[in-house]
Protein backbone atom coordinates (compact mmCIF):
# COMPACT_ATOMS: atom_id res chain seq x y z
CA UNK A 1 63.53 142.96 116.31
CA UNK A 2 62.52 141.77 112.86
CA UNK A 3 66.20 141.46 111.88
CA UNK A 4 66.88 139.16 114.84
CA UNK A 5 63.85 137.05 113.96
CA UNK A 6 64.91 136.66 110.33
CA UNK A 7 68.46 135.85 111.43
CA UNK A 8 67.13 133.19 113.81
CA UNK A 9 64.97 131.75 111.01
CA UNK A 10 67.94 131.58 108.66
CA UNK A 11 69.83 129.50 111.21
CA UNK A 12 66.80 127.24 111.64
CA UNK A 13 66.66 126.71 107.87
CA UNK A 14 70.37 125.90 107.81
CA UNK A 15 70.01 123.32 110.60
CA UNK A 16 66.95 121.92 108.85
CA UNK A 17 69.06 121.48 105.70
CA UNK A 18 71.80 119.77 107.68
CA UNK A 19 69.23 117.43 109.24
CA UNK A 20 67.76 116.69 105.82
CA UNK A 21 71.21 115.74 104.56
CA UNK A 22 71.68 113.33 107.47
CA UNK A 23 68.34 111.64 106.89
CA UNK A 24 68.48 111.48 103.08
CA UNK A 25 72.08 111.37 101.81
CA UNK A 26 74.15 108.21 102.35
CA UNK A 27 77.42 109.79 101.17
CA UNK A 28 76.94 112.62 103.65
CA UNK A 29 76.59 110.06 106.45
CA UNK A 30 79.76 108.33 105.23
CA UNK A 31 81.69 111.63 105.40
CA UNK A 32 80.30 112.39 108.87
CA UNK A 33 81.26 108.92 110.10
CA UNK A 34 84.84 109.23 108.85
CA UNK A 35 85.16 112.67 110.41
CA UNK A 36 83.73 111.42 113.70
CA UNK A 37 86.32 108.65 113.93
CA UNK A 38 89.20 110.92 112.94
CA UNK A 39 88.35 113.70 115.39
CA UNK A 40 87.49 111.21 118.15
CA UNK A 41 90.94 109.64 117.95
CA UNK A 42 92.65 113.02 117.72
CA UNK A 43 90.80 114.49 120.69
CA UNK A 44 90.49 111.37 122.87
CA UNK A 45 94.12 110.20 122.77
CA UNK A 46 97.39 112.08 122.75
CA UNK A 47 99.19 109.59 120.51
CA UNK A 48 99.20 111.93 117.52
CA UNK A 49 101.23 115.12 117.51
CA UNK A 50 99.16 117.75 115.75
CA UNK A 51 99.84 121.46 115.94
CA UNK A 52 97.04 124.01 116.13
CA UNK A 53 97.71 124.94 112.51
CA UNK A 54 97.53 121.30 111.40
CA UNK A 55 94.32 120.83 113.37
CA UNK A 56 92.90 123.94 111.69
CA UNK A 57 93.86 122.50 108.29
CA UNK A 58 92.03 119.26 109.16
CA UNK A 59 88.97 121.25 110.22
CA UNK A 60 89.05 123.33 107.04
CA UNK A 61 89.47 120.28 104.80
CA UNK A 62 86.63 118.53 106.64
CA UNK A 63 84.38 121.56 106.27
CA UNK A 64 85.08 121.71 102.55
CA UNK A 65 84.05 118.08 102.12
CA UNK A 66 80.85 118.49 104.16
CA UNK A 67 79.99 121.82 102.53
CA UNK A 68 80.82 120.45 99.09
CA UNK A 69 78.52 117.47 99.63
CA UNK A 70 75.74 119.82 100.67
CA UNK A 71 76.25 122.06 97.62
CA UNK A 72 76.33 119.01 95.37
CA UNK A 73 73.01 117.79 96.76
CA UNK A 74 71.52 121.26 96.41
CA UNK A 75 72.56 121.42 92.76
CA UNK A 76 71.22 117.92 92.10
CA UNK A 77 67.86 118.72 93.72
CA UNK A 78 67.58 122.01 91.81
CA UNK A 79 68.40 120.21 88.56
CA UNK A 80 65.80 117.54 89.31
CA UNK A 81 63.17 120.19 89.96
CA UNK A 82 63.82 121.70 86.52
CA UNK A 83 63.45 118.42 84.66
CA UNK A 84 63.55 114.69 85.26
CA UNK A 85 64.58 114.15 81.63
CA UNK A 86 68.15 113.18 80.83
CA UNK A 87 69.16 116.56 79.43
CA UNK A 88 72.84 116.95 78.66
CA UNK A 89 73.25 120.22 80.58
CA UNK A 90 71.62 118.77 83.70
CA UNK A 91 73.78 115.68 83.46
CA UNK A 92 76.90 117.84 83.14
CA UNK A 93 75.83 120.00 86.09
CA UNK A 94 75.33 116.97 88.32
CA UNK A 95 78.57 115.31 87.19
CA UNK A 96 80.64 118.45 87.71
CA UNK A 97 79.23 119.10 91.19
CA UNK A 98 79.85 115.46 92.15
CA UNK A 99 83.37 115.81 90.74
CA UNK A 100 83.91 118.85 92.95
CA UNK A 101 83.05 116.77 96.03
CA UNK A 102 85.47 114.10 94.83
CA UNK A 103 88.25 116.69 94.49
CA UNK A 104 87.51 118.11 97.96
CA UNK A 105 87.51 114.60 99.41
CA UNK A 106 90.75 113.51 97.73
CA UNK A 107 92.57 116.61 98.92
CA UNK A 108 91.10 116.29 102.43
CA UNK A 109 92.38 112.71 102.58
CA UNK A 110 95.79 113.88 101.34
CA UNK A 111 95.84 116.59 104.03
CA UNK A 112 94.88 113.98 106.62
CA UNK A 113 97.52 111.52 105.49
CA UNK A 114 100.26 114.17 105.34
CA UNK A 115 99.43 115.38 108.85
CA UNK A 116 98.55 112.06 110.49
CA UNK A 117 101.16 109.80 108.91
CA UNK A 118 102.79 109.06 112.25
CA UNK A 119 103.65 105.35 112.47
CA UNK A 120 104.69 105.68 116.12
CA UNK A 121 101.26 107.04 117.02
CA UNK A 122 99.52 104.17 115.26
CA UNK A 123 101.79 101.73 117.09
CA UNK A 124 100.90 103.33 120.44
CA UNK A 125 97.21 103.19 119.53
CA UNK A 126 97.50 99.53 118.54
CA UNK A 127 99.31 98.71 121.79
CA UNK A 128 96.66 100.60 123.77
CA UNK A 129 93.94 98.47 122.18
CA UNK A 130 95.97 95.28 122.64
CA UNK A 131 96.35 96.05 126.36
CA UNK A 132 92.64 96.90 126.71
CA UNK A 133 90.61 94.34 124.74
CA UNK A 134 87.35 95.89 125.91
CA UNK A 135 88.19 98.84 123.65
CA UNK A 136 88.26 96.46 120.69
CA UNK A 137 84.73 95.36 121.59
CA UNK A 138 83.62 99.00 121.82
CA UNK A 139 85.28 99.75 118.50
CA UNK A 140 83.56 96.83 116.77
CA UNK A 141 80.22 97.89 118.26
CA UNK A 142 80.79 101.46 117.03
CA UNK A 143 81.54 100.14 113.53
CA UNK A 144 78.26 98.21 113.60
CA UNK A 145 76.32 101.25 114.82
CA UNK A 146 77.89 103.55 112.23
CA UNK A 147 77.31 101.00 109.46
CA UNK A 148 73.63 100.92 110.39
CA UNK A 149 73.64 104.73 110.52
CA UNK A 150 75.11 104.92 107.03
CA UNK A 151 72.96 102.32 105.31
CA UNK A 152 69.71 102.12 107.32
CA UNK A 153 69.18 105.72 108.48
CA UNK A 154 67.77 106.77 105.11
CA UNK A 155 64.32 108.32 104.94
CA UNK A 156 64.49 109.26 101.26
CA UNK A 157 63.00 105.94 100.17
CA UNK A 158 60.16 106.15 102.68
CA UNK A 159 58.97 109.62 101.62
CA UNK A 160 59.52 109.45 97.90
CA UNK A 161 58.87 112.88 96.41
CA UNK A 162 58.02 114.53 99.75
CA UNK A 163 61.26 116.37 100.43
CA UNK A 164 59.50 119.56 101.54
């Protein structure tokens, strides 16, 4: 029974870390917002032709970006706990981990573009919105909500130094 309890706790810690990322890391919220829009349009409408393999590639690329952002933040926080001084090795560690996220993101975008570059689908989507102006209103409202989520849903400034 102890094994089940420790397994359950490990999942709780993982979800706690994910929640911390949402409430403290702006770039993480940007990635989540982009992924939400992409997967919403893929799953809500049938304008885009995406095979199961292509969908799996999009999921994998998305997971690499999200996981990379989480690892980058973990490395940055660990480096900060060692020293707040501008040591060269800490600076390199942070820059390299941020660079890794950039590489993951660039290749995820390239995967997305190569799979989703379907001008006919975008035309159908545009026509759908043109025929249903209320959807434009909903889209604009969602952009406002997600913009607030990205830039105002940040608790790191409120609890300076109280991450744990």
